[in-house]
Amino acid sequence: MMSKSRKLCISLIVSVLITIMLVVSMFGCAGDQLLMSHNNAEPPTEYTPSEPKTIFDLLTPWLVWIGLLASGLIFFWRMEKRRVVETNDS
């Protein structure tokens, strides 16, 4: 049997997903409408040398991703640890 908090969490996730779908469908392009911006398919006409990336620039996205993943895992591990374990002892 599902607990009340789990049902609330599932309903929250479903409602957020439905809201995102509605907002995207309201503001998207329909029919012959176009989003006007720079054409990325055309090659650039002038050469602009890129600056060499530092080790910090290369590692930042990975560190952010690992930090988010680790904090999520720690959060869920602590929540599971707090849950009372039910036994069948009489």
C-alpha atoms as a PDB file:
ATOM      1  CA  MET A   1       0.000   0.000   0.000  1.00  0.00           C
ATOM      2  CA  MET A   2       1.354   3.423  -0.945  1.00  0.00           C
ATOM      3  CA  SER A   3       1.893   5.990   1.739  1.00  0.00           C
ATOM      4  CA  LYS A   4       0.249   9.391   1.611  1.00  0.00           C
ATOM      5  CA  SER A   5       3.520  11.250   1.015  1.00  0.00           C
ATOM      6  CA  ARG A   6       4.413   8.987  -1.906  1.00  0.00           C
ATOM      7  CA  LYS A   7       1.011   9.610  -3.500  1.00  0.00           C
ATOM      8  CA  LEU A   8       1.469  13.361  -3.034  1.00  0.00           C
ATOM      9  CA  CYS A   9       4.938  13.199  -4.567  1.00  0.00           C
ATOM     10  CA  ILE A  10       3.672  11.286  -7.600  1.00  0.00           C
ATOM     11  CA  SER A  11       0.760  13.678  -8.076  1.00  0.00           C
ATOM     12  CA  LEU A  12       3.147  16.653  -7.824  1.00  0.00           C
ATOM     13  CA  ILE A  13       5.455  15.199 -10.480  1.00  0.00           C
ATOM     14  CA  VAL A  14       2.538  14.432 -12.799  1.00  0.00           C
ATOM     15  CA  SER A  15       1.057  17.911 -12.388  1.00  0.00           C
ATOM     16  CA  VAL A  16       4.437  19.570 -13.080  1.00  0.00           C
ATOM     17  CA  LEU A  17       4.882  17.484 -16.245  1.00  0.00           C
ATOM     18  CA  ILE A  18       1.385  18.358 -17.463  1.00  0.00           C
ATOM     19  CA  THR A  19       2.008  22.046 -16.757  1.00  0.00           C
ATOM     20  CA  ILE A  20       5.278  21.964 -18.719  1.00  0.00           C
ATOM     21  CA  MET A  21       3.534  20.290 -21.664  1.00  0.00           C
ATOM     22  CA  LEU A  22       0.764  22.899 -21.654  1.00  0.00           C
ATOM     23  CA  VAL A  23       3.178  25.843 -21.471  1.00  0.00           C
ATOM     24  CA  VAL A  24       5.352  24.449 -24.275  1.00  0.00           C
ATOM     25  CA  SER A  25       2.354  23.824 -26.507  1.00  0.00           C
ATOM     26  CA  MET A  26       1.048  27.364 -25.922  1.00  0.00           C
ATOM     27  CA  PHE A  27       4.313  29.106 -26.822  1.00  0.00           C
ATOM     28  CA  GLY A  28       5.598  26.818 -29.587  1.00  0.00           C
ATOM     29  CA  CYS A  29       5.431  27.475 -33.322  1.00  0.00           C
ATOM     30  CA  ALA A  30       2.385  26.268 -35.230  1.00  0.00           C
ATOM     31  CA  GLY A  31       1.846  25.825 -38.963  1.00  0.00           C
ATOM     32  CA  ASP A  32       3.923  28.154 -41.098  1.00  0.00           C
ATOM     33  CA  GLN A  33       5.283  30.232 -38.219  1.00  0.00           C
ATOM     34  CA  LEU A  34       9.044  30.521 -37.815  1.00  0.00           C
ATOM     35  CA  LEU A  35      11.397  31.424 -35.013  1.00  0.00           C
ATOM     36  CA  MET A  36      13.720  34.006 -36.540  1.00  0.00           C
ATOM     37  CA  SER A  37      17.333  33.711 -35.444  1.00  0.00           C
ATOM     38  CA  HIS A  38      20.829  33.195 -36.823  1.00  0.00           C
ATOM     39  CA  ASN A  39      21.101  30.369 -39.353  1.00  0.00           C
ATOM     40  CA  ASN A  40      23.518  27.922 -37.738  1.00  0.00           C
ATOM     41  CA  ALA A  41      23.658  25.803 -40.911  1.00  0.00           C
ATOM     42  CA  GLU A  42      25.662  28.462 -42.756  1.00  0.00           C
ATOM     43  CA  PRO A  43      29.401  28.292 -42.127  1.00  0.00           C
ATOM     44  CA  PRO A  44      30.919  31.426 -40.611  1.00  0.00           C
ATOM     45  CA  THR A  45      32.501  33.747 -43.150  1.00  0.00           C
ATOM     46  CA  GLU A  46      35.350  34.894 -40.939  1.00  0.00           C
ATOM     47  CA  TYR A  47      37.760  32.858 -38.868  1.00  0.00           C
ATOM     48  CA  THR A  48      37.814  33.587 -35.164  1.00  0.00           C
ATOM     49  CA  PRO A  49      40.420  31.590 -33.240  1.00  0.00           C
ATOM     50  CA  SER A  50      39.056  30.150 -30.021  1.00  0.00           C
ATOM     51  CA  GLU A  51      40.867  30.619 -26.763  1.00  0.00           C
ATOM     52  CA  PRO A  52      42.386  27.498 -25.211  1.00  0.00           C
ATOM     53  CA  LYS A  53      40.249  26.146 -22.400  1.00  0.00           C
ATOM     54  CA  THR A  54      41.669  25.882 -18.921  1.00  0.00           C
ATOM     55  CA  ILE A  55      41.354  22.756 -16.806  1.00  0.00           C
ATOM     56  CA  PHE A  56      38.794  24.583 -14.674  1.00  0.00           C
ATOM     57  CA  ASP A  57      36.613  25.265 -17.742  1.00  0.00           C
ATOM     58  CA  LEU A  58      36.781  21.592 -18.712  1.00  0.00           C
ATOM     59  CA  LEU A  59      36.044  20.186 -15.245  1.00  0.00           C
ATOM     60  CA  THR A  60      33.274  22.567 -14.102  1.00  0.00           C
ATOM     61  CA  PRO A  61      30.339  20.800 -15.834  1.00  0.00           C
ATOM     62  CA  TRP A  62      31.539  17.418 -14.589  1.00  0.00           C
ATOM     63  CA  LEU A  63      31.981  18.671 -11.026  1.00  0.00           C
ATOM     64  CA  VAL A  64      28.498  20.223 -11.037  1.00  0.00           C
ATOM     65  CA  TRP A  65      26.961  16.978 -12.378  1.00  0.00           C
ATOM     66  CA  ILE A  66      28.794  14.798  -9.856  1.00  0.00           C
ATOM     67  CA  GLY A  67      27.888  17.175  -7.012  1.00  0.00           C
ATOM     68  CA  LEU A  68      24.174  17.126  -7.913  1.00  0.00           C
ATOM     69  CA  LEU A  69      24.166  13.354  -8.272  1.00  0.00           C
ATOM     70  CA  ALA A  70      26.007  12.831  -4.966  1.00  0.00           C
ATOM     71  CA  SER A  71      23.752  15.229  -3.057  1.00  0.00           C
ATOM     72  CA  GLY A  72      20.646  13.503  -4.446  1.00  0.00           C
ATOM     73  CA  LEU A  73      21.973  10.067  -3.505  1.00  0.00           C
ATOM     74  CA  ILE A  74      22.891  11.235   0.006  1.00  0.00           C
ATOM     75  CA  PHE A  75      19.456  12.820   0.434  1.00  0.00           C
ATOM     76  CA  PHE A  76      17.599   9.649  -0.590  1.00  0.00           C
ATOM     77  CA  TRP A  77      19.940   7.441   1.464  1.00  0.00           C
ATOM     78  CA  ARG A  78      19.216   9.509   4.572  1.00  0.00           C
ATOM     79  CA  MET A  79      15.472   9.368   3.904  1.00  0.00           C
ATOM     80  CA  GLU A  80      15.590   5.583   3.568  1.00  0.00           C
ATOM     81  CA  LYS A  81      17.677   5.326   6.739  1.00  0.00           C
ATOM     82  CA  ARG A  82      15.076   7.286   8.711  1.00  0.00           C
ATOM     83  CA  ARG A  83      12.181   5.095   7.581  1.00  0.00           C
ATOM     84  CA  VAL A  84      11.022   2.651  10.250  1.00  0.00           C
ATOM     85  CA  VAL A  85      11.548  -0.942   9.204  1.00  0.00           C
ATOM     86  CA  GLU A  86       8.411  -3.039   9.673  1.00  0.00           C
ATOM     87  CA  THR A  87       8.890  -6.589  10.842  1.00  0.00           C
ATOM     88  CA  ASN A  88       6.590  -9.585  11.081  1.00  0.00           C
ATOM     89  CA  ASP A  89       7.583 -10.384  14.673  1.00  0.00           C
ATOM     90  CA  SER A  90       4.693 -11.248  16.979  1.00  0.00           C
END
